[in-house]
């Protein structure tokens, strides 16, 4: 990862670090992040909590849409769960830019199980460039 906006953003991302996410690739409009499903990530059915799958996709989306030198945030997203993830699975999320115009963008993220390439979820994120953020 280069020393640009996404690198600084990732370095300060305590939430993604707490979940054990690993940034494997980032470039303008694309990113790949992985995460191992730990014991503390499963729900009452013994499956990876859907919110954590969404968090992985969202973090990957953030890296992909912040590679253009502008602070970009999520305007919204939708996620469709297709298969369960289990304790011990390594999940890999890959984001790709579908459209970018003005301050808006659309990104698709596919979350797969690394061991067998099963698609776990499909995520579509909508981004909005905001210029710069000021500290609270």
Protein backbone atom coordinates (compact mmCIF):
# COMPACT_ATOMS: atom_id res chain seq x y z
CA UNK A 1 0.00 0.00 0.00
CA UNK A 2 1.40 3.41 -0.88
CA UNK A 3 1.67 6.33 1.55
CA UNK A 4 -1.44 8.06 0.22
CA UNK A 5 -4.93 8.62 1.64
CA UNK A 6 -5.93 4.96 1.90
CA UNK A 7 -2.71 4.07 3.75
CA UNK A 8 -3.20 6.82 6.32
CA UNK A 9 -6.89 5.96 6.67
CA UNK A 10 -6.10 2.24 7.17
CA UNK A 11 -3.35 3.00 9.70
CA UNK A 12 -5.88 4.92 11.82
CA UNK A 13 -8.74 2.39 11.41
CA UNK A 14 -9.04 0.92 14.91
CA UNK A 15 -12.29 -0.93 14.09
CA UNK A 16 -10.78 -2.90 11.20
CA UNK A 17 -7.68 -3.67 13.26
CA UNK A 18 -9.81 -4.91 16.18
CA UNK A 19 -11.51 -7.33 13.81
CA UNK A 20 -8.14 -8.62 12.58
CA UNK A 21 -8.55 -7.38 9.01
CA UNK A 22 -5.52 -7.48 6.72
CA UNK A 23 -5.26 -5.17 3.70
CA UNK A 24 -3.81 -7.28 0.89
CA UNK A 25 -4.16 -4.85 -2.03
CA UNK A 26 -5.33 -1.30 -2.66
CA UNK A 27 -5.34 0.95 -5.73
CA UNK A 28 -7.70 3.70 -6.87
CA UNK A 29 -11.08 2.04 -7.36
CA UNK A 30 -10.10 -1.40 -6.06
CA UNK A 31 -9.08 -3.19 -2.87
CA UNK A 32 -8.77 -6.63 -1.29
CA UNK A 33 -9.00 -7.26 2.46
CA UNK A 34 -9.09 -10.53 4.40
CA UNK A 35 -10.32 -11.52 7.86
CA UNK A 36 -10.28 -14.78 9.81
CA UNK A 37 -13.57 -15.61 11.55
CA UNK A 38 -12.65 -15.91 15.24
CA UNK A 39 -14.56 -17.52 18.12
CA UNK A 40 -15.83 -14.10 19.23
CA UNK A 41 -17.30 -13.39 15.76
CA UNK A 42 -19.94 -16.13 15.66
CA UNK A 43 -23.61 -15.66 16.49
CA UNK A 44 -25.96 -17.93 18.40
CA UNK A 45 -26.15 -20.32 15.43
CA UNK A 46 -22.38 -20.75 15.33
CA UNK A 47 -22.11 -18.73 12.09
CA UNK A 48 -20.15 -15.56 11.43
CA UNK A 49 -22.33 -12.62 12.45
CA UNK A 50 -23.70 -10.89 9.34
CA UNK A 51 -22.73 -7.50 10.70
CA UNK A 52 -19.09 -8.57 10.73
CA UNK A 53 -19.28 -9.79 7.13
CA UNK A 54 -20.76 -6.36 6.30
CA UNK A 55 -17.96 -4.65 8.24
CA UNK A 56 -15.35 -6.51 6.17
CA UNK A 57 -17.06 -5.48 2.93
CA UNK A 58 -17.47 -1.88 4.15
CA UNK A 59 -13.79 -1.56 5.11
CA UNK A 60 -12.79 -2.90 1.69
CA UNK A 61 -15.18 -0.47 -0.02
CA UNK A 62 -13.67 2.42 1.99
CA UNK A 63 -10.16 1.60 0.79
CA UNK A 64 -11.28 1.34 -2.85
CA UNK A 65 -13.12 4.65 -2.93
CA UNK A 66 -10.49 6.69 -1.04
CA UNK A 67 -7.68 6.29 -3.56
CA UNK A 68 -8.27 9.49 -5.50
CA UNK A 69 -6.89 12.06 -3.06
CA UNK A 70 -10.29 13.13 -1.71
CA UNK A 71 -11.92 12.14 1.57
CA UNK A 72 -14.75 9.83 0.56
CA UNK A 73 -17.40 8.34 2.83
CA UNK A 74 -20.25 5.88 2.46
CA UNK A 75 -23.58 7.32 1.38
CA UNK A 76 -25.16 3.89 1.87
CA UNK A 77 -24.87 0.23 1.05
CA UNK A 78 -26.85 -2.93 0.49
CA UNK A 79 -25.66 -6.44 1.22
CA UNK A 80 -27.01 -9.83 0.20
CA UNK A 81 -25.90 -12.89 2.16
CA UNK A 82 -25.57 -15.97 -0.03
CA UNK A 83 -23.82 -18.58 2.14
CA UNK A 84 -22.78 -18.83 5.79
CA UNK A 85 -19.24 -18.31 7.02
CA UNK A 86 -17.95 -20.40 9.92
CA UNK A 87 -15.46 -20.14 12.75
CA UNK A 88 -11.96 -20.54 11.30
CA UNK A 89 -12.89 -19.45 7.76
CA UNK A 90 -10.69 -16.84 6.11
CA UNK A 91 -12.94 -14.40 4.29
CA UNK A 92 -11.61 -12.30 1.42
CA UNK A 93 -13.43 -9.20 0.23
CA UNK A 94 -12.63 -7.73 -3.18
CA UNK A 95 -13.94 -4.30 -4.16
CA UNK A 96 -14.20 -2.87 -7.65
CA UNK A 97 -15.40 0.52 -8.78
CA UNK A 98 -18.43 0.36 -11.08
CA UNK A 99 -19.05 4.08 -11.63
CA UNK A 100 -17.62 7.39 -10.47
CA UNK A 101 -19.01 10.77 -11.47
CA UNK A 102 -18.60 14.11 -9.75
CA UNK A 103 -18.68 13.46 -6.01
CA UNK A 104 -20.54 10.12 -6.23
CA UNK A 105 -19.40 6.57 -6.83
CA UNK A 106 -20.73 3.02 -6.94
CA UNK A 107 -18.63 0.05 -5.80
CA UNK A 108 -19.28 -3.69 -5.70
CA UNK A 109 -17.63 -5.91 -3.10
CA UNK A 110 -17.69 -9.70 -3.22
CA UNK A 111 -16.90 -11.57 -0.01
CA UNK A 112 -15.64 -15.14 -0.55
CA UNK A 113 -14.34 -17.97 1.60
CA UNK A 114 -10.65 -18.30 0.69
CA UNK A 115 -10.49 -22.11 0.98
CA UNK A 116 -13.11 -22.90 -1.68
CA UNK A 117 -14.04 -19.54 -3.26
CA UNK A 118 -17.67 -19.85 -2.09
CA UNK A 119 -19.37 -16.47 -2.36
CA UNK A 120 -20.54 -15.49 1.11
CA UNK A 121 -22.01 -12.06 0.29
CA UNK A 122 -22.42 -9.42 -2.41
CA UNK A 123 -22.25 -5.79 -1.28
CA UNK A 124 -22.98 -2.62 -3.26
CA UNK A 125 -21.68 0.62 -1.76
CA UNK A 126 -22.49 4.17 -2.72
CA UNK A 127 -19.81 6.76 -1.97
CA UNK A 128 -19.72 10.53 -1.63
CA UNK A 129 -16.57 12.66 -1.74
CA UNK A 130 -16.65 15.33 0.96
CA UNK A 131 -13.35 17.13 0.43
CA UNK A 132 -11.71 17.13 3.84
CA UNK A 133 -12.91 16.23 7.28
CA UNK A 134 -12.26 18.46 10.25
CA UNK A 135 -11.67 17.03 13.69
CA UNK A 136 -14.60 17.24 16.14
